[in-house]
Amino acid sequence: MARTAITYTALTGNGTVAAIPATIDIANGMQLAAATPESTVLLITNTDTSPHNVTLAAGDPVLGAGMAVDQVFAIPASSSRYIGPLTSSRCTQKDGSMTLTFVAGHTGTVTALLNPRGI
């Protein structure tokens, strides 16, 4: 199955852009295409009354090198967490995306914030 797309919200110097959250898709997972991890911060909410883990998939090895493992982040009950900035070599897939997986019962949203250069 195809993962649900997450769309970037680019931050601006004057703060006039409203963030675009995407509803968490437990069944399919989620994907941020054309990711730039070093400029990315993810805001993940958990509206459930239990804590849940979110897994950021390890990046694909380059030329067979790389021993990265999936990164797991704990999101407390009825709370949210910012994750990032991240490292390309640690979480970028061969197609240039980043992928997230959620556990059963996790409800909430994911917002991908892009901090462009020069702000």
N, C-alpha and C. Protein backbone atom coordinates (compact mmCIF):
# COMPACT_ATOMS: atom_id res chain seq x y z
N MET A 1 0.84 -1.19 0.00
CA MET A 1 0.00 0.00 0.00
C MET A 1 0.88 1.25 0.00
N ALA A 2 0.38 2.26 -0.62
CA ALA A 2 1.11 3.54 -0.66
C ALA A 2 0.97 4.26 0.67
N ARG A 3 2.05 4.86 1.08
CA ARG A 3 2.02 5.65 2.32
C ARG A 3 1.30 6.97 2.08
N THR A 4 0.71 7.51 3.13
CA THR A 4 0.02 8.79 3.04
C THR A 4 1.06 9.91 2.99
N ALA A 5 0.85 10.84 2.08
CA ALA A 5 1.81 11.93 1.89
C ALA A 5 1.69 12.98 2.99
N ILE A 6 2.84 13.46 3.40
CA ILE A 6 2.93 14.61 4.30
C ILE A 6 3.46 15.76 3.46
N THR A 7 2.85 16.92 3.57
CA THR A 7 3.27 18.09 2.79
C THR A 7 4.04 19.05 3.69
N TYR A 8 5.12 19.58 3.17
CA TYR A 8 5.90 20.58 3.91
C TYR A 8 5.13 21.88 4.09
N THR A 9 5.35 22.52 5.23
CA THR A 9 4.97 23.90 5.44
C THR A 9 6.28 24.66 5.58
N ALA A 10 6.57 25.55 4.63
CA ALA A 10 7.81 26.33 4.67
C ALA A 10 7.64 27.50 5.63
N LEU A 11 8.56 27.61 6.57
CA LEU A 11 8.53 28.73 7.50
C LEU A 11 8.97 29.99 6.77
N THR A 12 8.45 31.12 7.20
CA THR A 12 8.81 32.39 6.58
C THR A 12 9.33 33.35 7.65
N GLY A 13 10.05 34.34 7.21
CA GLY A 13 10.63 35.31 8.14
C GLY A 13 9.60 36.12 8.90
N ASN A 14 8.42 36.33 8.30
CA ASN A 14 7.41 37.15 8.98
C ASN A 14 6.34 36.31 9.67
N GLY A 15 6.45 34.98 9.59
CA GLY A 15 5.55 34.11 10.33
C GLY A 15 4.12 34.08 9.85
N THR A 16 3.86 34.41 8.59
CA THR A 16 2.48 34.49 8.12
C THR A 16 1.92 33.18 7.56
N VAL A 17 2.74 32.14 7.44
CA VAL A 17 2.26 30.89 6.86
C VAL A 17 1.72 29.98 7.95
N ALA A 18 0.48 29.51 7.77
CA ALA A 18 -0.12 28.58 8.73
C ALA A 18 0.34 27.16 8.40
N ALA A 19 0.66 26.40 9.43
CA ALA A 19 1.11 25.02 9.24
C ALA A 19 -0.01 24.15 8.71
N ILE A 20 0.36 23.11 7.93
CA ILE A 20 -0.61 22.20 7.34
C ILE A 20 -0.42 20.81 7.96
N PRO A 21 -1.22 20.45 8.98
CA PRO A 21 -1.08 19.12 9.58
C PRO A 21 -1.75 18.04 8.73
N ALA A 22 -1.22 16.83 8.81
CA ALA A 22 -1.81 15.67 8.14
C ALA A 22 -2.24 14.68 9.22
N THR A 23 -3.43 14.12 9.07
CA THR A 23 -3.93 13.15 10.04
C THR A 23 -3.11 11.87 9.96
N ILE A 24 -2.73 11.35 11.11
CA ILE A 24 -1.91 10.14 11.17
C ILE A 24 -2.65 8.97 10.52
N ASP A 25 -1.93 8.24 9.68
CA ASP A 25 -2.45 7.05 8.99
C ASP A 25 -1.71 5.83 9.53
N ILE A 26 -2.34 5.15 10.47
CA ILE A 26 -1.71 3.99 11.10
C ILE A 26 -1.56 2.85 10.10
N ALA A 27 -2.59 2.61 9.31
CA ALA A 27 -2.61 1.45 8.41
C ALA A 27 -1.51 1.50 7.35
N ASN A 28 -1.27 2.65 6.76
CA ASN A 28 -0.33 2.76 5.65
C ASN A 28 1.01 3.40 6.02
N GLY A 29 1.07 4.09 7.13
CA GLY A 29 2.25 4.85 7.46
C GLY A 29 2.24 6.15 6.66
N MET A 30 3.28 6.95 6.80
CA MET A 30 3.31 8.25 6.15
C MET A 30 4.68 8.50 5.53
N GLN A 31 4.70 9.37 4.52
CA GLN A 31 5.92 9.64 3.77
C GLN A 31 6.05 11.12 3.46
N LEU A 32 7.23 11.63 3.66
CA LEU A 32 7.56 13.01 3.29
C LEU A 32 8.48 12.92 2.07
N ALA A 33 7.92 13.21 0.89
CA ALA A 33 8.68 13.10 -0.37
C ALA A 33 9.66 14.26 -0.49
N ALA A 34 10.71 14.05 -1.26
CA ALA A 34 11.73 15.08 -1.51
C ALA A 34 12.15 15.76 -0.21
N ALA A 35 12.47 14.94 0.77
CA ALA A 35 12.80 15.44 2.11
C ALA A 35 14.17 16.10 2.15
N THR A 36 14.27 17.11 2.99
CA THR A 36 15.55 17.73 3.32
C THR A 36 15.69 17.68 4.84
N PRO A 37 16.13 16.54 5.37
CA PRO A 37 16.12 16.31 6.81
C PRO A 37 16.82 17.37 7.65
N GLU A 38 17.94 17.92 7.16
CA GLU A 38 18.66 18.92 7.96
C GLU A 38 17.86 20.20 8.16
N SER A 39 16.86 20.43 7.33
CA SER A 39 16.01 21.62 7.45
C SER A 39 14.60 21.28 7.90
N THR A 40 14.38 20.04 8.32
CA THR A 40 13.05 19.57 8.66
C THR A 40 12.87 19.40 10.16
N VAL A 41 11.73 19.87 10.66
CA VAL A 41 11.29 19.58 12.01
C VAL A 41 9.87 19.03 11.89
N LEU A 42 9.62 17.88 12.51
CA LEU A 42 8.29 17.28 12.51
C LEU A 42 7.61 17.57 13.83
N LEU A 43 6.37 18.01 13.77
CA LEU A 43 5.54 18.18 14.95
C LEU A 43 4.54 17.04 14.93
N ILE A 44 4.65 16.14 15.90
CA ILE A 44 3.76 14.98 15.96
C ILE A 44 2.91 15.10 17.21
N THR A 45 1.58 15.05 17.02
CA THR A 45 0.66 15.11 18.15
C THR A 45 0.12 13.72 18.46
N ASN A 46 -0.27 13.53 19.69
CA ASN A 46 -0.90 12.30 20.13
C ASN A 46 -2.15 12.69 20.91
N THR A 47 -3.31 12.51 20.31
CA THR A 47 -4.56 12.88 20.98
C THR A 47 -5.15 11.72 21.77
N ASP A 48 -4.50 10.57 21.75
CA ASP A 48 -4.95 9.41 22.51
C ASP A 48 -4.55 9.59 23.98
N THR A 49 -5.23 8.86 24.86
CA THR A 49 -4.95 8.95 26.29
C THR A 49 -3.84 8.02 26.74
N SER A 50 -3.18 7.35 25.79
CA SER A 50 -2.03 6.50 26.09
C SER A 50 -0.82 7.00 25.30
N PRO A 51 0.38 6.80 25.83
CA PRO A 51 1.58 7.19 25.07
C PRO A 51 1.78 6.23 23.89
N HIS A 52 2.41 6.73 22.83
CA HIS A 52 2.68 5.90 21.66
C HIS A 52 4.05 6.23 21.09
N ASN A 53 4.62 5.25 20.39
CA ASN A 53 5.90 5.44 19.72
C ASN A 53 5.70 5.68 18.24
N VAL A 54 6.56 6.50 17.67
CA VAL A 54 6.59 6.76 16.23
C VAL A 54 7.97 6.33 15.75
N THR A 55 8.00 5.59 14.64
CA THR A 55 9.26 5.10 14.10
C THR A 55 9.60 5.83 12.81
N LEU A 56 10.78 6.43 12.79
CA LEU A 56 11.33 7.04 11.58
C LEU A 56 12.28 6.01 10.99
N ALA A 57 11.96 5.54 9.78
CA ALA A 57 12.75 4.47 9.16
C ALA A 57 14.18 4.90 8.90
N ALA A 58 15.09 3.95 9.09
CA ALA A 58 16.49 4.20 8.78
C ALA A 58 16.65 4.43 7.30
N GLY A 59 17.60 5.26 6.94
CA GLY A 59 17.87 5.53 5.54
C GLY A 59 18.49 4.33 4.84
N ASP A 60 18.33 4.31 3.53
CA ASP A 60 18.93 3.25 2.74
C ASP A 60 20.44 3.45 2.70
N PRO A 61 21.22 2.39 2.87
CA PRO A 61 22.67 2.53 2.83
C PRO A 61 23.15 3.01 1.46
N VAL A 62 24.19 3.80 1.47
CA VAL A 62 24.78 4.30 0.23
C VAL A 62 25.96 3.40 -0.12
N LEU A 63 25.91 2.79 -1.29
CA LEU A 63 26.98 1.90 -1.76
C LEU A 63 27.31 0.82 -0.73
N GLY A 64 26.28 0.33 -0.03
CA GLY A 64 26.48 -0.74 0.92
C GLY A 64 27.01 -0.29 2.26
N ALA A 65 27.33 0.99 2.41
CA ALA A 65 27.84 1.50 3.68
C ALA A 65 26.70 2.04 4.51
N GLY A 66 26.87 2.04 5.78
CA GLY A 66 25.85 2.62 6.66
C GLY A 66 25.21 1.57 7.52
N MET A 67 25.15 1.83 8.78
CA MET A 67 24.58 0.89 9.72
C MET A 67 23.45 1.55 10.52
N ALA A 68 22.78 2.50 9.92
CA ALA A 68 21.72 3.21 10.63
C ALA A 68 20.59 2.26 10.97
N VAL A 69 19.96 2.50 12.10
CA VAL A 69 18.80 1.74 12.53
C VAL A 69 17.62 2.69 12.64
N ASP A 70 16.42 2.13 12.64
CA ASP A 70 15.23 2.95 12.80
C ASP A 70 15.34 3.76 14.08
N GLN A 71 14.80 4.98 14.04
CA GLN A 71 14.76 5.82 15.23
C GLN A 71 13.33 5.80 15.77
N VAL A 72 13.20 5.57 17.07
CA VAL A 72 11.88 5.50 17.70
C VAL A 72 11.75 6.67 18.66
N PHE A 73 10.63 7.39 18.53
CA PHE A 73 10.38 8.56 19.36
C PHE A 73 9.11 8.34 20.17
N ALA A 74 9.16 8.60 21.46
CA ALA A 74 8.01 8.45 22.34
C ALA A 74 7.20 9.75 22.35
N ILE A 75 5.90 9.61 22.10
CA ILE A 75 5.00 10.76 22.16
C ILE A 75 4.06 10.51 23.34
N PRO A 76 4.16 11.31 24.40
CA PRO A 76 3.33 11.10 25.58
C PRO A 76 1.83 11.23 25.27
N ALA A 77 1.03 10.68 26.14
CA ALA A 77 -0.43 10.75 26.01
C ALA A 77 -0.88 12.20 25.97
N SER A 78 -1.85 12.47 25.12
CA SER A 78 -2.47 13.80 25.01
C SER A 78 -1.42 14.91 24.95
N SER A 79 -0.43 14.72 24.09
CA SER A 79 0.69 15.65 24.04
C SER A 79 1.22 15.75 22.61
N SER A 80 2.30 16.48 22.45
CA SER A 80 2.96 16.58 21.16
C SER A 80 4.46 16.73 21.37
N ARG A 81 5.20 16.41 20.31
CA ARG A 81 6.66 16.53 20.37
C ARG A 81 7.19 17.02 19.03
N TYR A 82 8.23 17.84 19.11
CA TYR A 82 8.96 18.26 17.92
C TYR A 82 10.12 17.29 17.75
N ILE A 83 10.33 16.85 16.51
CA ILE A 83 11.42 15.93 16.20
C ILE A 83 12.24 16.55 15.07
N GLY A 84 13.54 16.73 15.30
CA GLY A 84 14.39 17.27 14.27
C GLY A 84 15.13 18.49 14.77
N PRO A 85 15.96 19.07 13.91
CA PRO A 85 16.29 18.64 12.57
C PRO A 85 16.96 17.26 12.59
N LEU A 86 16.96 16.63 11.44
CA LEU A 86 17.43 15.26 11.30
C LEU A 86 18.67 15.22 10.40
N THR A 87 19.17 14.02 10.13
CA THR A 87 20.36 13.85 9.31
C THR A 87 20.03 13.02 8.09
N SER A 88 20.36 13.51 6.91
CA SER A 88 20.06 12.81 5.65
C SER A 88 20.58 11.39 5.64
N SER A 89 21.82 11.21 6.05
CA SER A 89 22.42 9.88 5.99
C SER A 89 21.74 8.90 6.94
N ARG A 90 21.02 9.43 7.90
CA ARG A 90 20.37 8.58 8.90
C ARG A 90 18.95 8.19 8.51
N CYS A 91 18.26 9.02 7.69
CA CYS A 91 16.83 8.73 7.49
C CYS A 91 16.32 8.92 6.06
N THR A 92 17.18 9.20 5.09
CA THR A 92 16.70 9.40 3.73
C THR A 92 16.67 8.07 2.96
N GLN A 93 15.53 7.80 2.34
CA GLN A 93 15.36 6.60 1.54
C GLN A 93 15.96 6.82 0.15
N LYS A 94 16.12 5.76 -0.63
CA LYS A 94 16.72 5.87 -1.96
C LYS A 94 15.94 6.81 -2.87
N ASP A 95 14.63 6.93 -2.64
CA ASP A 95 13.81 7.81 -3.48
C ASP A 95 13.81 9.26 -2.97
N GLY A 96 14.59 9.55 -1.92
CA GLY A 96 14.68 10.91 -1.38
C GLY A 96 13.64 11.23 -0.32
N SER A 97 12.84 10.27 0.08
CA SER A 97 11.78 10.50 1.06
C SER A 97 12.23 10.11 2.47
N MET A 98 11.40 10.48 3.43
CA MET A 98 11.50 9.99 4.81
C MET A 98 10.18 9.31 5.11
N THR A 99 10.22 8.19 5.87
CA THR A 99 8.99 7.47 6.16
C THR A 99 8.78 7.29 7.66
N LEU A 100 7.51 7.38 8.06
CA LEU A 100 7.11 7.23 9.45
C LEU A 100 6.11 6.09 9.58
N THR A 101 6.22 5.35 10.69
CA THR A 101 5.30 4.28 11.01
C THR A 101 4.74 4.54 12.41
N PHE A 102 3.45 4.25 12.58
CA PHE A 102 2.76 4.50 13.84
C PHE A 102 2.18 3.20 14.39
N VAL A 103 2.04 3.13 15.71
CA VAL A 103 1.47 1.94 16.34
C VAL A 103 -0.04 2.08 16.46
N ALA A 104 -0.72 0.96 16.62
CA ALA A 104 -2.17 0.94 16.76
C ALA A 104 -2.62 1.84 17.91
N GLY A 105 -3.67 2.57 17.69
CA GLY A 105 -4.23 3.44 18.72
C GLY A 105 -3.72 4.88 18.70
N HIS A 106 -2.69 5.13 17.93
CA HIS A 106 -2.13 6.49 17.88
C HIS A 106 -3.02 7.37 17.00
N THR A 107 -3.59 8.37 17.59
CA THR A 107 -4.39 9.34 16.85
C THR A 107 -3.74 10.71 17.00
N GLY A 108 -3.91 11.53 15.99
CA GLY A 108 -3.32 12.86 16.03
C GLY A 108 -2.91 13.30 14.64
N THR A 109 -1.90 14.17 14.58
CA THR A 109 -1.45 14.73 13.30
C THR A 109 0.07 14.78 13.23
N VAL A 110 0.54 14.95 11.99
CA VAL A 110 1.97 15.18 11.73
C VAL A 110 2.06 16.46 10.90
N THR A 111 2.93 17.36 11.31
CA THR A 111 3.19 18.58 10.56
C THR A 111 4.67 18.62 10.24
N ALA A 112 5.00 18.78 8.97
CA ALA A 112 6.40 18.86 8.55
C ALA A 112 6.74 20.32 8.30
N LEU A 113 7.62 20.86 9.11
CA LEU A 113 8.05 22.26 8.99
C LEU A 113 9.40 22.31 8.29
N LEU A 114 9.50 23.16 7.28
CA LEU A 114 10.74 23.32 6.52
C LEU A 114 11.32 24.69 6.83
N ASN A 115 12.52 24.69 7.35
CA ASN A 115 13.21 25.93 7.67
C ASN A 115 14.13 26.27 6.50
N PRO A 116 13.69 27.16 5.61
CA PRO A 116 14.52 27.48 4.46
C PRO A 116 15.78 28.25 4.88
N ARG A 117 16.78 28.19 4.03
CA ARG A 117 18.02 28.92 4.31
C ARG A 117 17.76 30.42 4.34
N GLY A 118 18.48 31.10 5.19
CA GLY A 118 18.42 32.54 5.21
C GLY A 118 17.39 33.14 6.14
N ILE A 119 16.68 32.32 6.89
CA ILE A 119 15.70 32.90 7.84
C ILE A 119 16.32 32.96 9.20
